[in-house]
């Protein structure tokens, strides 16, 4: 299921550069500026925690990806 999020205002794992998704397969732009869709059920490995994290997760080591 895909959800919509404002990437400038959120600190979700799917927008964090530590969430290992090199092809950004779980994140795609919408037709308006800062709003993007993300795959809610996606899980990728966090390079900080070294464990799989859900796309909707969050932690204090958040760093936004460069878009």
PDB file of N, CA and C in Angstrom:
ATOM      1  N   UNK A   1       0.843  -1.165   0.000  1.00  0.00           N
ATOM      2  CA  UNK A   1       0.000   0.000   0.000  1.00  0.00           C
ATOM      3  C   UNK A   1       0.897   1.240   0.000  1.00  0.00           C
ATOM      4  N   UNK A   2       0.623   2.176  -0.867  1.00  0.00           N
ATOM      5  CA  UNK A   2       1.409   3.396  -0.977  1.00  0.00           C
ATOM      6  C   UNK A   2       0.747   4.515  -0.188  1.00  0.00           C
ATOM      7  N   UNK A   3       1.552   5.261   0.556  1.00  0.00           N
ATOM      8  CA  UNK A   3       1.083   6.402   1.353  1.00  0.00           C
ATOM      9  C   UNK A   3       1.780   7.659   0.844  1.00  0.00           C
ATOM     10  N   UNK A   4       1.180   8.807   1.072  1.00  0.00           N
ATOM     11  CA  UNK A   4       1.754  10.079   0.637  1.00  0.00           C
ATOM     12  C   UNK A   4       2.332  10.821   1.836  1.00  0.00           C
ATOM     13  N   UNK A   5       3.508  11.434   1.629  1.00  0.00           N
ATOM     14  CA  UNK A   5       4.183  12.142   2.710  1.00  0.00           C
ATOM     15  C   UNK A   5       4.907  13.369   2.147  1.00  0.00           C
ATOM     16  N   UNK A   6       5.015  14.407   2.953  1.00  0.00           N
ATOM     17  CA  UNK A   6       5.801  15.586   2.596  1.00  0.00           C
ATOM     18  C   UNK A   6       7.226  15.320   3.060  1.00  0.00           C
ATOM     19  N   UNK A   7       8.166  15.149   2.133  1.00  0.00           N
ATOM     20  CA  UNK A   7       9.522  14.742   2.503  1.00  0.00           C
ATOM     21  C   UNK A   7      10.300  15.829   3.245  1.00  0.00           C
ATOM     22  N   UNK A   8       9.853  17.067   3.179  1.00  0.00           N
ATOM     23  CA  UNK A   8      10.542  18.147   3.892  1.00  0.00           C
ATOM     24  C   UNK A   8      10.119  18.222   5.362  1.00  0.00           C
ATOM     25  N   UNK A   9       8.978  17.632   5.696  1.00  0.00           N
ATOM     26  CA  UNK A   9       8.445  17.737   7.062  1.00  0.00           C
ATOM     27  C   UNK A   9       8.494  16.436   7.849  1.00  0.00           C
ATOM     28  N   UNK A  10       8.877  15.345   7.228  1.00  0.00           N
ATOM     29  CA  UNK A  10       8.840  14.049   7.887  1.00  0.00           C
ATOM     30  C   UNK A  10      10.226  13.535   8.240  1.00  0.00           C
ATOM     31  N   UNK A  11      10.288  12.620   9.178  1.00  0.00           N
ATOM     32  CA  UNK A  11      11.541  11.959   9.548  1.00  0.00           C
ATOM     33  C   UNK A  11      11.364  10.446   9.495  1.00  0.00           C
ATOM     34  N   UNK A  12      10.687   9.969   8.456  1.00  0.00           N
ATOM     35  CA  UNK A  12      10.479   8.539   8.276  1.00  0.00           C
ATOM     36  C   UNK A  12      11.735   7.882   7.725  1.00  0.00           C
ATOM     37  N   UNK A  13      11.905   6.603   8.012  1.00  0.00           N
ATOM     38  CA  UNK A  13      13.068   5.859   7.524  1.00  0.00           C
ATOM     39  C   UNK A  13      13.190   5.882   6.001  1.00  0.00           C
ATOM     40  N   UNK A  14      12.076   5.833   5.289  1.00  0.00           N
ATOM     41  CA  UNK A  14      12.126   5.805   3.822  1.00  0.00           C
ATOM     42  C   UNK A  14      12.739   7.066   3.226  1.00  0.00           C
ATOM     43  N   UNK A  15      12.848   8.138   3.985  1.00  0.00           N
ATOM     44  CA  UNK A  15      13.423   9.392   3.517  1.00  0.00           C
ATOM     45  C   UNK A  15      14.838   9.594   4.086  1.00  0.00           C
ATOM     46  N   UNK A  16      15.278   8.681   4.929  1.00  0.00           N
ATOM     47  CA  UNK A  16      16.584   8.780   5.586  1.00  0.00           C
ATOM     48  C   UNK A  16      17.684   8.159   4.720  1.00  0.00           C
ATOM     49  N   UNK A  17      18.853   8.773   4.693  1.00  0.00           N
ATOM     50  CA  UNK A  17      19.938   8.232   3.869  1.00  0.00           C
ATOM     51  C   UNK A  17      20.568   6.987   4.472  1.00  0.00           C
ATOM     52  N   UNK A  18      20.264   6.650   5.706  1.00  0.00           N
ATOM     53  CA  UNK A  18      20.784   5.437   6.334  1.00  0.00           C
ATOM     54  C   UNK A  18      19.926   4.204   6.015  1.00  0.00           C
ATOM     55  N   UNK A  19      18.743   4.421   5.463  1.00  0.00           N
ATOM     56  CA  UNK A  19      17.836   3.321   5.095  1.00  0.00           C
ATOM     57  C   UNK A  19      18.273   2.816   3.732  1.00  0.00           C
ATOM     58  N   UNK A  20      18.828   1.624   3.663  1.00  0.00           N
ATOM     59  CA  UNK A  20      19.466   1.095   2.457  1.00  0.00           C
ATOM     60  C   UNK A  20      18.442   0.744   1.391  1.00  0.00           C
ATOM     61  N   UNK A  21      18.266   1.651   0.449  1.00  0.00           N
ATOM     62  CA  UNK A  21      17.382   1.464  -0.705  1.00  0.00           C
ATOM     63  C   UNK A  21      18.016   2.203  -1.875  1.00  0.00           C
ATOM     64  N   UNK A  22      19.117   1.653  -2.431  1.00  0.00           N
ATOM     65  CA  UNK A  22      19.892   2.389  -3.437  1.00  0.00           C
ATOM     66  C   UNK A  22      19.106   2.812  -4.673  1.00  0.00           C
ATOM     67  N   UNK A  23      18.122   2.053  -5.071  1.00  0.00           N
ATOM     68  CA  UNK A  23      17.326   2.415  -6.245  1.00  0.00           C
ATOM     69  C   UNK A  23      16.088   3.222  -5.910  1.00  0.00           C
ATOM     70  N   UNK A  24      15.894   3.525  -4.624  1.00  0.00           N
ATOM     71  CA  UNK A  24      14.698   4.224  -4.135  1.00  0.00           C
ATOM     72  C   UNK A  24      13.424   3.565  -4.658  1.00  0.00           C
ATOM     73  N   UNK A  25      13.394   2.242  -4.611  1.00  0.00           N
ATOM     74  CA  UNK A  25      12.242   1.498  -5.119  1.00  0.00           C
ATOM     75  C   UNK A  25      11.009   1.640  -4.237  1.00  0.00           C
ATOM     76  N   UNK A  26      11.181   2.061  -2.983  1.00  0.00           N
ATOM     77  CA  UNK A  26      10.050   2.208  -2.077  1.00  0.00           C
ATOM     78  C   UNK A  26       9.603   3.656  -1.953  1.00  0.00           C
ATOM     79  N   UNK A  27      10.152   4.523  -2.778  1.00  0.00           N
ATOM     80  CA  UNK A  27       9.848   5.954  -2.705  1.00  0.00           C
ATOM     81  C   UNK A  27       9.768   6.515  -4.124  1.00  0.00           C
ATOM     82  N   UNK A  28       8.697   7.255  -4.412  1.00  0.00           N
ATOM     83  CA  UNK A  28       8.556   7.840  -5.742  1.00  0.00           C
ATOM     84  C   UNK A  28       7.856   9.205  -5.636  1.00  0.00           C
ATOM     85  N   UNK A  29       8.240  10.150  -6.487  1.00  0.00           N
ATOM     86  CA  UNK A  29       7.659  11.498  -6.413  1.00  0.00           C
ATOM     87  C   UNK A  29       6.214  11.530  -6.889  1.00  0.00           C
ATOM     88  N   UNK A  30       5.445  12.399  -6.277  1.00  0.00           N
ATOM     89  CA  UNK A  30       4.100  12.702  -6.763  1.00  0.00           C
ATOM     90  C   UNK A  30       4.253  13.853  -7.746  1.00  0.00           C
ATOM     91  N   UNK A  31       3.174  14.309  -8.290  1.00  0.00           N
ATOM     92  CA  UNK A  31       3.244  15.369  -9.296  1.00  0.00           C
ATOM     93  C   UNK A  31       3.372  16.767  -8.696  1.00  0.00           C
ATOM     94  N   UNK A  32       3.445  16.878  -7.378  1.00  0.00           N
ATOM     95  CA  UNK A  32       3.569  18.194  -6.742  1.00  0.00           C
ATOM     96  C   UNK A  32       4.771  18.239  -5.812  1.00  0.00           C
ATOM     97  N   UNK A  33       5.669  19.150  -6.012  1.00  0.00           N
ATOM     98  CA  UNK A  33       6.830  19.476  -5.196  1.00  0.00           C
ATOM     99  C   UNK A  33       7.340  18.499  -4.165  1.00  0.00           C
ATOM    100  N   UNK A  34       7.064  18.763  -2.906  1.00  0.00           N
ATOM    101  CA  UNK A  34       7.636  18.015  -1.801  1.00  0.00           C
ATOM    102  C   UNK A  34       6.833  16.777  -1.401  1.00  0.00           C
ATOM    103  N   UNK A  35       5.754  16.479  -2.077  1.00  0.00           N
ATOM    104  CA  UNK A  35       4.944  15.320  -1.737  1.00  0.00           C
ATOM    105  C   UNK A  35       5.406  14.097  -2.531  1.00  0.00           C
ATOM    106  N   UNK A  36       5.705  13.038  -1.815  1.00  0.00           N
ATOM    107  CA  UNK A  36       6.171  11.790  -2.403  1.00  0.00           C
ATOM    108  C   UNK A  36       5.323  10.652  -1.860  1.00  0.00           C
ATOM    109  N   UNK A  37       5.298   9.539  -2.598  1.00  0.00           N
ATOM    110  CA  UNK A  37       4.634   8.316  -2.146  1.00  0.00           C
ATOM    111  C   UNK A  37       5.695   7.349  -1.650  1.00  0.00           C
ATOM    112  N   UNK A  38       5.364   6.592  -0.598  1.00  0.00           N
ATOM    113  CA  UNK A  38       6.268   5.557  -0.132  1.00  0.00           C
ATOM    114  C   UNK A  38       5.508   4.272   0.116  1.00  0.00           C
ATOM    115  N   UNK A  39       6.183   3.154  -0.072  1.00  0.00           N
ATOM    116  CA  UNK A  39       5.583   1.834   0.129  1.00  0.00           C
ATOM    117  C   UNK A  39       5.560   1.551   1.627  1.00  0.00           C
ATOM    118  N   UNK A  40       4.373   1.544   2.200  1.00  0.00           N
ATOM    119  CA  UNK A  40       4.198   1.401   3.642  1.00  0.00           C
ATOM    120  C   UNK A  40       4.725   0.069   4.171  1.00  0.00           C
ATOM    121  N   UNK A  41       4.611  -0.980   3.396  1.00  0.00           N
ATOM    122  CA  UNK A  41       5.014  -2.316   3.869  1.00  0.00           C
ATOM    123  C   UNK A  41       6.480  -2.655   3.588  1.00  0.00           C
ATOM    124  N   UNK A  42       7.225  -1.740   2.980  1.00  0.00           N
ATOM    125  CA  UNK A  42       8.631  -2.012   2.634  1.00  0.00           C
ATOM    126  C   UNK A  42       9.516  -2.065   3.883  1.00  0.00           C
ATOM    127  N   UNK A  43      10.512  -2.952   3.852  1.00  0.00           N
ATOM    128  CA  UNK A  43      11.509  -3.058   4.917  1.00  0.00           C
ATOM    129  C   UNK A  43      12.881  -3.122   4.264  1.00  0.00           C
ATOM    130  N   UNK A  44      13.795  -2.303   4.753  1.00  0.00           N
ATOM    131  CA  UNK A  44      15.171  -2.295   4.265  1.00  0.00           C
ATOM    132  C   UNK A  44      16.096  -2.219   5.474  1.00  0.00           C
ATOM    133  N   UNK A  45      17.350  -2.549   5.262  1.00  0.00           N
ATOM    134  CA  UNK A  45      18.317  -2.527   6.356  1.00  0.00           C
ATOM    135  C   UNK A  45      18.770  -1.100   6.637  1.00  0.00           C
ATOM    136  N   UNK A  46      18.797  -0.756   7.907  1.00  0.00           N
ATOM    137  CA  UNK A  46      19.312   0.537   8.350  1.00  0.00           C
ATOM    138  C   UNK A  46      20.814   0.369   8.552  1.00  0.00           C
ATOM    139  N   UNK A  47      21.618   1.236   7.942  1.00  0.00           N
ATOM    140  CA  UNK A  47      23.072   1.120   8.053  1.00  0.00           C
ATOM    141  C   UNK A  47      23.585   1.573   9.420  1.00  0.00           C
ATOM    142  N   UNK A  48      22.765   2.229  10.208  1.00  0.00           N
ATOM    143  CA  UNK A  48      23.146   2.631  11.568  1.00  0.00           C
ATOM    144  C   UNK A  48      22.803   1.513  12.554  1.00  0.00           C
ATOM    145  N   UNK A  49      21.577   1.034  12.514  1.00  0.00           N
ATOM    146  CA  UNK A  49      21.114  -0.003  13.449  1.00  0.00           C
ATOM    147  C   UNK A  49      21.515  -1.413  13.028  1.00  0.00           C
ATOM    148  N   UNK A  50      21.832  -1.593  11.745  1.00  0.00           N
ATOM    149  CA  UNK A  50      22.216  -2.902  11.190  1.00  0.00           C
ATOM    150  C   UNK A  50      21.090  -3.939  11.270  1.00  0.00           C
ATOM    151  N   UNK A  51      19.855  -3.480  11.229  1.00  0.00           N
ATOM    152  CA  UNK A  51      18.686  -4.366  11.249  1.00  0.00           C
ATOM    153  C   UNK A  51      17.663  -3.858  10.235  1.00  0.00           C
ATOM    154  N   UNK A  52      16.796  -4.736   9.738  1.00  0.00           N
ATOM    155  CA  UNK A  52      15.732  -4.287   8.831  1.00  0.00           C
ATOM    156  C   UNK A  52      14.755  -3.361   9.565  1.00  0.00           C
ATOM    157  N   UNK A  53      14.439  -2.248   8.931  1.00  0.00           N
ATOM    158  CA  UNK A  53      13.513  -1.275   9.501  1.00  0.00           C
ATOM    159  C   UNK A  53      12.372  -1.026   8.523  1.00  0.00           C
ATOM    160  N   UNK A  54      11.163  -0.787   9.029  1.00  0.00           N
ATOM    161  CA  UNK A  54      10.040  -0.492   8.130  1.00  0.00           C
ATOM    162  C   UNK A  54      10.174   0.913   7.543  1.00  0.00           C
ATOM    163  N   UNK A  55       9.557   1.132   6.413  1.00  0.00           N
ATOM    164  CA  UNK A  55       9.629   2.437   5.751  1.00  0.00           C
ATOM    165  C   UNK A  55       9.029   3.545   6.613  1.00  0.00           C
ATOM    166  N   UNK A  56       8.060   3.214   7.455  1.00  0.00           N
ATOM    167  CA  UNK A  56       7.386   4.192   8.301  1.00  0.00           C
ATOM    168  C   UNK A  56       8.082   4.379   9.656  1.00  0.00           C
ATOM    169  N   UNK A  57       9.194   3.677   9.872  1.00  0.00           N
ATOM    170  CA  UNK A  57       9.923   3.796  11.131  1.00  0.00           C
ATOM    171  C   UNK A  57      10.633   5.130  11.252  1.00  0.00           C
ATOM    172  N   UNK A  58      11.222   5.348  12.425  1.00  0.00           N
ATOM    173  CA  UNK A  58      11.928   6.598  12.663  1.00  0.00           C
ATOM    174  C   UNK A  58      12.919   6.407  13.804  1.00  0.00           C
ATOM    175  N   UNK A  59      14.028   7.172  13.789  1.00  0.00           N
ATOM    176  CA  UNK A  59      14.998   7.119  14.878  1.00  0.00           C
ATOM    177  C   UNK A  59      15.669   8.480  15.045  1.00  0.00           C
ATOM    178  N   UNK A  60      16.476   8.620  16.055  1.00  0.00           N
ATOM    179  CA  UNK A  60      17.128   9.899  16.350  1.00  0.00           C
ATOM    180  C   UNK A  60      18.345  10.172  15.467  1.00  0.00           C
ATOM    181  N   UNK A  61      18.799   9.199  14.692  1.00  0.00           N
ATOM    182  CA  UNK A  61      19.958   9.363  13.796  1.00  0.00           C
ATOM    183  C   UNK A  61      19.530   9.766  12.384  1.00  0.00           C
ATOM    184  N   UNK A  62      18.324  10.282  12.234  1.00  0.00           N
ATOM    185  CA  UNK A  62      17.755  10.626  10.930  1.00  0.00           C
ATOM    186  C   UNK A  62      18.598  11.669  10.203  1.00  0.00           C
ATOM    187  N   UNK A  63      18.873  11.406   8.917  1.00  0.00           N
ATOM    188  CA  UNK A  63      19.510  12.365   8.006  1.00  0.00           C
ATOM    189  C   UNK A  63      18.789  12.245   6.664  1.00  0.00           C
ATOM    190  N   UNK A  64      18.236  13.347   6.197  1.00  0.00           N
ATOM    191  CA  UNK A  64      17.444  13.339   4.962  1.00  0.00           C
ATOM    192  C   UNK A  64      18.286  13.023   3.733  1.00  0.00           C
ATOM    193  N   UNK A  65      17.744  12.175   2.857  1.00  0.00           N
ATOM    194  CA  UNK A  65      18.401  11.870   1.582  1.00  0.00           C
ATOM    195  C   UNK A  65      18.450  13.130   0.731  1.00  0.00           C
ATOM    196  N   UNK A  66      19.431  13.187  -0.168  1.00  0.00           N
ATOM    197  CA  UNK A  66      19.502  14.281  -1.138  1.00  0.00           C
ATOM    198  C   UNK A  66      18.634  13.920  -2.328  1.00  0.00           C
ATOM    199  N   UNK A  67      17.665  14.760  -2.636  1.00  0.00           N
ATOM    200  CA  UNK A  67      16.759  14.489  -3.750  1.00  0.00           C
ATOM    201  C   UNK A  67      17.054  15.406  -4.897  1.00  0.00           C
TER     202      UNK A  67
END
